[in-house]
Amino acid sequence: GDLRVKAGPFHFLGLVQRRTTMHLTTGAPDEVSLGYSLEASYLLFDLVEPAVRFSSLDPSDKVPTRRAQDLSAAINLYLFKQAAHLSVSYEHRMEAAGRTLQNDGLDLSMLAHF
């Protein structure tokens, strides 16, 4: 389920997901995955919107170290009465203890409404 709140220039979104996988053919125990995401942003002058998001996903309750978490920050730029949207975001992916993989990301995207 999700909850979205928009009040003036403020935007908040919370999302929770849960899934149960049943292994009918193998008879293995059922697996449960659980994830959530929280994001907030504030639109300034109908033009610039700083935003932040935190997400967490545990894809299986049977594997203890598989949780994936990330924290991202973005600057969104809206043009032509929000018909065009340019976004630059940095995503920091938090690794499990003992892992040294560096997979942070910098993304640039554009969206146009016709």
C-alpha atoms as a PDB file:
ATOM      1  CA  GLY A   1       0.000   0.000   0.000  1.00  0.00           C
ATOM      2  CA  ASP A   2       1.010   3.605  -0.308  1.00  0.00           C
ATOM      3  CA  LEU A   3       0.256   7.005   1.152  1.00  0.00           C
ATOM      4  CA  ARG A   4       0.743  10.236  -0.782  1.00  0.00           C
ATOM      5  CA  VAL A   5       0.436  13.681   0.774  1.00  0.00           C
ATOM      6  CA  LYS A   6       0.656  16.861  -1.267  1.00  0.00           C
ATOM      7  CA  ALA A   7       0.174  20.148   0.531  1.00  0.00           C
ATOM      8  CA  GLY A   8       1.110  23.239  -1.444  1.00  0.00           C
ATOM      9  CA  PRO A   9       4.733  22.865  -2.524  1.00  0.00           C
ATOM     10  CA  PHE A  10       5.383  19.915  -0.161  1.00  0.00           C
ATOM     11  CA  HIS A  11       5.160  16.299  -1.393  1.00  0.00           C
ATOM     12  CA  PHE A  12       5.514  13.139   0.705  1.00  0.00           C
ATOM     13  CA  LEU A  13       5.160   9.523  -0.426  1.00  0.00           C
ATOM     14  CA  GLY A  14       5.403   6.370   1.659  1.00  0.00           C
ATOM     15  CA  LEU A  15       5.172   2.895   0.131  1.00  0.00           C
ATOM     16  CA  VAL A  16       5.176  -0.579   1.711  1.00  0.00           C
ATOM     17  CA  GLN A  17       5.338  -3.832  -0.255  1.00  0.00           C
ATOM     18  CA  ARG A  18       5.069  -7.407   1.006  1.00  0.00           C
ATOM     19  CA  ARG A  19       5.105 -10.590  -1.046  1.00  0.00           C
ATOM     20  CA  THR A  20       4.886 -14.277  -0.155  1.00  0.00           C
ATOM     21  CA  THR A  21       6.402 -16.828  -2.538  1.00  0.00           C
ATOM     22  CA  MET A  22       5.072 -20.362  -2.199  1.00  0.00           C
ATOM     23  CA  HIS A  23       7.304 -23.138  -3.582  1.00  0.00           C
ATOM     24  CA  LEU A  24       4.579 -25.620  -4.487  1.00  0.00           C
ATOM     25  CA  THR A  25       6.623 -27.862  -6.773  1.00  0.00           C
ATOM     26  CA  THR A  26       9.663 -28.253  -4.502  1.00  0.00           C
ATOM     27  CA  GLY A  27       7.940 -28.141  -1.130  1.00  0.00           C
ATOM     28  CA  ALA A  28      10.484 -25.609   0.180  1.00  0.00           C
ATOM     29  CA  PRO A  29       9.282 -23.275   2.940  1.00  0.00           C
ATOM     30  CA  ASP A  30       7.428 -20.145   1.847  1.00  0.00           C
ATOM     31  CA  GLU A  31       9.540 -16.991   1.510  1.00  0.00           C
ATOM     32  CA  VAL A  32       8.413 -13.521   2.489  1.00  0.00           C
ATOM     33  CA  SER A  33       9.881 -10.346   1.025  1.00  0.00           C
ATOM     34  CA  LEU A  34       9.301  -6.913   2.514  1.00  0.00           C
ATOM     35  CA  GLY A  35      10.249  -3.468   1.304  1.00  0.00           C
ATOM     36  CA  TYR A  36       9.441   0.155   1.896  1.00  0.00           C
ATOM     37  CA  SER A  37      10.265   3.542   0.445  1.00  0.00           C
ATOM     38  CA  LEU A  38       9.910   7.063   1.824  1.00  0.00           C
ATOM     39  CA  GLU A  39      10.353  10.237  -0.216  1.00  0.00           C
ATOM     40  CA  ALA A  40       9.881  13.950   0.313  1.00  0.00           C
ATOM     41  CA  SER A  41      10.276  17.001  -1.886  1.00  0.00           C
ATOM     42  CA  TYR A  42       9.568  20.718  -1.881  1.00  0.00           C
ATOM     43  CA  LEU A  43       8.778  22.699  -5.039  1.00  0.00           C
ATOM     44  CA  LEU A  44      10.260  26.203  -5.135  1.00  0.00           C
ATOM     45  CA  PHE A  45       8.768  28.848  -7.456  1.00  0.00           C
ATOM     46  CA  ASP A  46       7.151  26.091  -9.615  1.00  0.00           C
ATOM     47  CA  LEU A  47      10.622  25.593 -11.074  1.00  0.00           C
ATOM     48  CA  VAL A  48      13.115  23.791  -8.799  1.00  0.00           C
ATOM     49  CA  GLU A  49      12.363  20.796  -6.588  1.00  0.00           C
ATOM     50  CA  PRO A  50      14.943  19.289  -4.217  1.00  0.00           C
ATOM     51  CA  ALA A  51      13.977  15.737  -3.214  1.00  0.00           C
ATOM     52  CA  VAL A  52      15.250  12.929  -1.007  1.00  0.00           C
ATOM     53  CA  ARG A  53      14.318   9.216  -0.927  1.00  0.00           C
ATOM     54  CA  PHE A  54      15.180   6.231   1.273  1.00  0.00           C
ATOM     55  CA  SER A  55      14.364   2.673   0.189  1.00  0.00           C
ATOM     56  CA  SER A  56      14.839  -0.715   1.802  1.00  0.00           C
ATOM     57  CA  LEU A  57      14.127  -4.191   0.417  1.00  0.00           C
ATOM     58  CA  ASP A  58      14.587  -7.561   2.089  1.00  0.00           C
ATOM     59  CA  PRO A  59      13.946  -9.974  -0.810  1.00  0.00           C
ATOM     60  CA  SER A  60      13.816 -13.117   1.342  1.00  0.00           C
ATOM     61  CA  ASP A  61      13.315 -13.852   5.011  1.00  0.00           C
ATOM     62  CA  LYS A  62      15.290 -17.092   4.444  1.00  0.00           C
ATOM     63  CA  VAL A  63      18.596 -15.346   3.553  1.00  0.00           C
ATOM     64  CA  PRO A  64      19.768 -13.077   6.415  1.00  0.00           C
ATOM     65  CA  THR A  65      22.180 -10.734   4.552  1.00  0.00           C
ATOM     66  CA  ARG A  66      20.304  -9.928   1.336  1.00  0.00           C
ATOM     67  CA  ARG A  67      18.768  -6.587   2.392  1.00  0.00           C
ATOM     68  CA  ALA A  68      19.271  -3.759  -0.100  1.00  0.00           C
ATOM     69  CA  GLN A  69      19.055  -0.130   1.020  1.00  0.00           C
ATOM     70  CA  ASP A  70      19.673   3.112  -0.787  1.00  0.00           C
ATOM     71  CA  LEU A  71      19.503   6.819  -0.116  1.00  0.00           C
ATOM     72  CA  SER A  72      19.111   9.240  -2.987  1.00  0.00           C
ATOM     73  CA  ALA A  73      19.007  13.011  -3.365  1.00  0.00           C
ATOM     74  CA  ALA A  74      17.788  14.806  -6.469  1.00  0.00           C
ATOM     75  CA  ILE A  75      17.280  18.220  -7.974  1.00  0.00           C
ATOM     76  CA  ASN A  76      14.375  18.429 -10.402  1.00  0.00           C
ATOM     77  CA  LEU A  77      13.972  21.338 -12.800  1.00  0.00           C
ATOM     78  CA  TYR A  78      10.559  21.996 -14.370  1.00  0.00           C
ATOM     79  CA  LEU A  79      10.207  24.016 -17.573  1.00  0.00           C
ATOM     80  CA  PHE A  80       7.299  25.220 -19.721  1.00  0.00           C
ATOM     81  CA  LYS A  81       4.698  25.088 -16.920  1.00  0.00           C
ATOM     82  CA  GLN A  82       5.952  21.617 -15.919  1.00  0.00           C
ATOM     83  CA  ALA A  83       5.635  20.193 -19.460  1.00  0.00           C
ATOM     84  CA  ALA A  84       9.360  19.344 -19.340  1.00  0.00           C
ATOM     85  CA  HIS A  85      11.203  17.851 -16.381  1.00  0.00           C
ATOM     86  CA  LEU A  86      14.992  17.545 -16.010  1.00  0.00           C
ATOM     87  CA  SER A  87      16.348  15.600 -13.050  1.00  0.00           C
ATOM     88  CA  VAL A  88      19.821  15.011 -11.638  1.00  0.00           C
ATOM     89  CA  SER A  89      20.075  12.500  -8.798  1.00  0.00           C
ATOM     90  CA  TYR A  90      22.761  10.796  -6.753  1.00  0.00           C
ATOM     91  CA  GLU A  91      22.040   7.397  -5.255  1.00  0.00           C
ATOM     92  CA  HIS A  92      24.090   5.917  -2.413  1.00  0.00           C
ATOM     93  CA  ARG A  93      23.566   2.151  -2.146  1.00  0.00           C
ATOM     94  CA  MET A  94      24.307   0.879   1.347  1.00  0.00           C
ATOM     95  CA  GLU A  95      26.179  -2.402   1.371  1.00  0.00           C
ATOM     96  CA  ALA A  96      25.888  -5.292   3.777  1.00  0.00           C
ATOM     97  CA  ALA A  97      28.575  -5.428   6.465  1.00  0.00           C
ATOM     98  CA  GLY A  98      31.886  -6.741   5.168  1.00  0.00           C
ATOM     99  CA  ARG A  99      31.221  -5.984   1.495  1.00  0.00           C
ATOM    100  CA  THR A 100      33.243  -3.362  -0.350  1.00  0.00           C
ATOM    101  CA  LEU A 101      31.414  -3.131  -3.678  1.00  0.00           C
ATOM    102  CA  GLN A 102      31.059   0.500  -4.806  1.00  0.00           C
ATOM    103  CA  ASN A 103      27.908   0.863  -6.860  1.00  0.00           C
ATOM    104  CA  ASP A 104      26.661   4.372  -6.125  1.00  0.00           C
ATOM    105  CA  GLY A 105      25.147   6.135  -9.102  1.00  0.00           C
ATOM    106  CA  LEU A 106      24.620   9.549 -10.643  1.00  0.00           C
ATOM    107  CA  ASP A 107      21.614   9.768 -12.948  1.00  0.00           C
ATOM    108  CA  LEU A 108      20.453  12.407 -15.398  1.00  0.00           C
ATOM    109  CA  SER A 109      16.972  12.087 -16.883  1.00  0.00           C
ATOM    110  CA  MET A 110      14.516  14.162 -18.859  1.00  0.00           C
ATOM    111  CA  LEU A 111      10.782  13.796 -19.298  1.00  0.00           C
ATOM    112  CA  ALA A 112       8.560  15.730 -21.710  1.00  0.00           C
ATOM    113  CA  HIS A 113       4.745  15.760 -21.760  1.00  0.00           C
ATOM    114  CA  PHE A 114       2.983  16.270 -25.085  1.00  0.00           C
END
